[in-house]
Protein backbone atom coordinates (compact mmCIF):
# COMPACT_ATOMS: atom_id res chain seq x y z
CA MET A 1 125.48 126.04 110.88
CA ILE A 2 122.16 124.24 110.47
CA ARG A 3 119.06 126.32 109.86
CA LEU A 4 115.38 125.46 109.82
CA ILE A 5 113.20 127.26 107.28
CA CYS A 6 109.42 127.49 107.54
CA HIS A 7 108.36 128.22 103.99
CA SER A 8 105.64 130.66 103.08
CA GLY A 9 103.17 130.29 100.21
CA ARG A 10 106.13 130.37 97.82
CA CYS A 11 107.50 127.03 98.99
CA TRP A 12 107.57 125.74 95.42
CA ARG A 13 110.78 127.74 95.12
CA LEU A 14 112.42 125.06 97.22
CA PRO A 15 115.16 123.59 95.00
CA LEU A 16 113.42 120.57 93.51
CA PRO A 17 116.62 118.68 92.60
CA ALA A 18 117.76 118.87 96.24
CA LEU A 19 114.36 117.73 97.50
CA GLN A 20 114.22 114.93 94.95
CA GLN A 21 117.68 113.73 95.98
CA LEU A 22 116.84 113.81 99.71
CA LEU A 23 113.67 111.79 99.15
CA GLN A 24 115.39 109.32 96.82
CA GLN A 25 118.28 108.68 99.17
CA HIS A 26 116.56 108.76 102.56
CA SER A 27 113.02 107.43 102.16
CA PHE A 28 111.60 104.24 100.74
CA TRP A 29 108.12 105.63 100.03
CA ALA A 30 109.11 108.63 97.92
CA GLN A 31 111.18 106.99 95.22
CA GLN A 32 110.92 108.22 91.64
CA ARG A 33 108.95 111.39 92.36
CA SER A 34 109.33 113.71 89.39
CA PRO A 35 110.14 117.42 89.73
CA ALA A 36 106.73 118.29 88.25
CA ASP A 37 104.94 116.12 90.83
CA LEU A 38 107.07 117.54 93.65
CA ARG A 39 106.12 121.06 92.55
CA ARG A 40 102.41 120.16 92.60
CA MET A 41 102.86 118.46 95.97
CA LEU A 42 104.44 121.59 97.46
CA ARG A 43 101.71 123.84 96.06
CA GLY A 44 99.07 121.63 97.67
CA SER A 45 100.73 121.66 101.10
CA GLN A 46 99.69 124.23 103.69
CA ALA A 47 102.86 123.88 105.77
CA VAL A 48 106.37 123.12 104.49
CA VAL A 49 109.61 123.09 106.48
CA SER A 50 113.17 122.31 105.46
CA LEU A 51 116.50 121.93 107.22
CA TRP A 52 119.73 123.13 105.64
CA GLU A 53 123.46 123.05 106.30
CA GLY A 54 124.89 125.56 103.89
CA LYS A 55 123.42 124.64 100.51
CA GLN A 56 122.76 121.00 101.46
CA LEU A 57 119.18 119.97 102.22
CA LEU A 58 119.27 117.76 105.32
CA GLY A 59 115.60 117.50 106.21
CA PHE A 60 112.09 118.15 104.98
CA GLY A 61 108.49 117.86 106.13
CA ARG A 62 105.08 119.07 105.07
CA ALA A 63 101.45 119.08 106.20
CA SER A 64 98.02 119.42 104.70
CA SER A 65 95.17 120.83 106.75
CA ASP A 66 91.62 122.13 106.66
CA GLY A 67 92.70 124.60 109.36
CA VAL A 68 89.91 123.60 111.78
CA TYR A 69 89.41 119.87 112.27
CA ARG A 70 92.17 117.79 110.71
CA ALA A 71 95.78 118.03 109.57
CA VAL A 72 98.13 115.34 108.29
CA LEU A 73 101.92 115.34 108.46
CA TRP A 74 103.60 113.99 105.34
CA ASP A 75 107.09 113.16 104.12
CA VAL A 76 109.10 113.93 107.27
CA VAL A 77 112.64 113.01 106.24
CA VAL A 78 116.09 113.62 107.75
CA ALA A 79 119.28 112.55 106.00
CA ASP A 80 120.62 109.37 107.61
CA SER A 81 123.89 111.08 108.57
CA HIS A 82 121.99 113.68 110.62
CA GLN A 83 119.45 111.48 112.40
CA GLY A 84 119.53 111.22 116.18
CA GLN A 85 120.52 114.88 116.59
CA GLY A 86 117.09 116.41 117.20
CA HIS A 87 116.51 117.50 113.61
CA GLY A 88 113.43 115.33 113.06
CA ARG A 89 111.95 116.71 116.27
CA ALA A 90 112.64 120.26 115.09
CA LEU A 91 110.90 119.60 111.76
CA VAL A 92 107.82 118.05 113.38
CA GLU A 93 107.58 120.76 116.04
CA ALA A 94 107.80 123.47 113.37
CA LEU A 95 104.99 121.80 111.42
CA LEU A 96 102.85 121.50 114.56
CA LYS A 97 103.34 125.23 115.32
CA HIS A 98 102.37 126.31 111.80
CA PRO A 99 99.06 128.25 111.83
CA ALA A 100 97.44 125.78 109.40
CA VAL A 101 98.13 122.93 111.84
CA ALA A 102 98.28 124.44 115.33
CA ALA A 103 94.54 125.07 115.75
CA VAL A 104 93.11 121.78 114.46
CA GLU A 105 91.39 119.16 116.64
CA ARG A 106 93.57 116.27 115.45
CA VAL A 107 96.86 115.78 113.65
CA TYR A 108 97.39 112.50 111.84
CA LEU A 109 100.43 110.86 110.33
CA MET A 110 101.36 107.48 108.94
CA THR A 111 104.61 105.74 109.75
CA THR A 112 106.04 102.36 108.98
CA HIS A 113 109.25 102.28 111.00
CA GLN A 114 109.31 105.39 113.22
CA ARG A 115 106.47 104.78 115.69
CA GLY A 116 108.77 105.19 118.70
CA PHE A 117 110.07 108.52 117.41
CA TYR A 118 106.56 109.94 117.02
CA GLU A 119 105.47 108.57 120.41
CA GLN A 120 108.31 110.60 121.98
CA LEU A 121 106.66 113.68 120.45
CA GLY A 122 103.26 112.86 121.96
CA PHE A 123 101.62 110.96 119.10
CA GLN A 124 99.69 107.82 119.99
CA ALA A 125 98.82 104.79 117.90
CA ALA A 126 95.16 104.95 116.84
CA GLU A 127 94.36 101.28 117.37
CA GLN A 128 90.63 101.93 116.98
CA GLN A 129 91.18 103.33 113.47
CA GLN A 130 92.22 101.53 110.33
CA LEU A 131 94.21 102.89 107.41
CA MET A 132 92.26 102.54 104.18
CA LEU A 133 93.81 102.96 100.71
CA LEU A 134 92.44 103.76 97.27
CA ASN A 135 94.42 104.69 94.19
CA PRO A 136 91.72 105.94 91.82
CA SER A 137 94.03 107.75 89.41
CA GLY A 138 96.62 105.06 88.82
CA GLY A 139 99.37 107.47 89.90
CA PRO A 140 100.34 111.11 90.30
CA ASN A 141 100.55 111.83 86.57
CA GLN A 142 96.82 111.37 86.09
CA ALA A 143 95.99 114.88 87.33
CA ASP A 144 94.80 115.93 83.87
CA LYS A 145 91.58 113.98 84.32
CA PRO A 146 88.59 116.27 84.80
CA ALA A 147 87.42 116.67 88.39
CA PRO A 148 83.98 115.20 89.18
CA CYS A 149 82.90 118.42 90.96
CA SER A 150 82.52 121.77 89.31
C-alpha cells in the first residue's frame, strides 16, 4: 500500500538516509546533498510531503512560502519505477493544498525536463519572466557566515 504523508513542523524527522538516496538516484540537480544540509533544507521548508510504500521512500516534494504573495515548489521527485502512476500529481496537489501555499497569489517552480507534466496540473510557462541566478555563498556549507541583517 502506498501512502502520502504531509509532514508537520517536525518534518526533519524524515529519515535523511532515505531522502538522500531518493535524491541521489532519481534527480540530477540534488546530487551530493549532505544529511546536515538536508536537515537544514527541511527546517526551512513550510510544506513537505513524502510518498511511501512500506518503509521505502518513493516520492518527495517541498515548498517555501511567505503565506500571502508567493510560494515556490522545490525538489518534486518520484522514483523512476513509480512514475506515470499519478504519484507526482499527488505530491504536487498535496503541496498546493498546504495552508502555507494554498492562499498565495502565485506559485512558482523551476523545471528542466518536466514542463509537460506541470502544464497538465495547470502551470504555465512564464515567458515574460527570466530566471536569474546568484550563488553568493559558494555553496550550502557556507551558512556559518554572519547574516548582513540583524
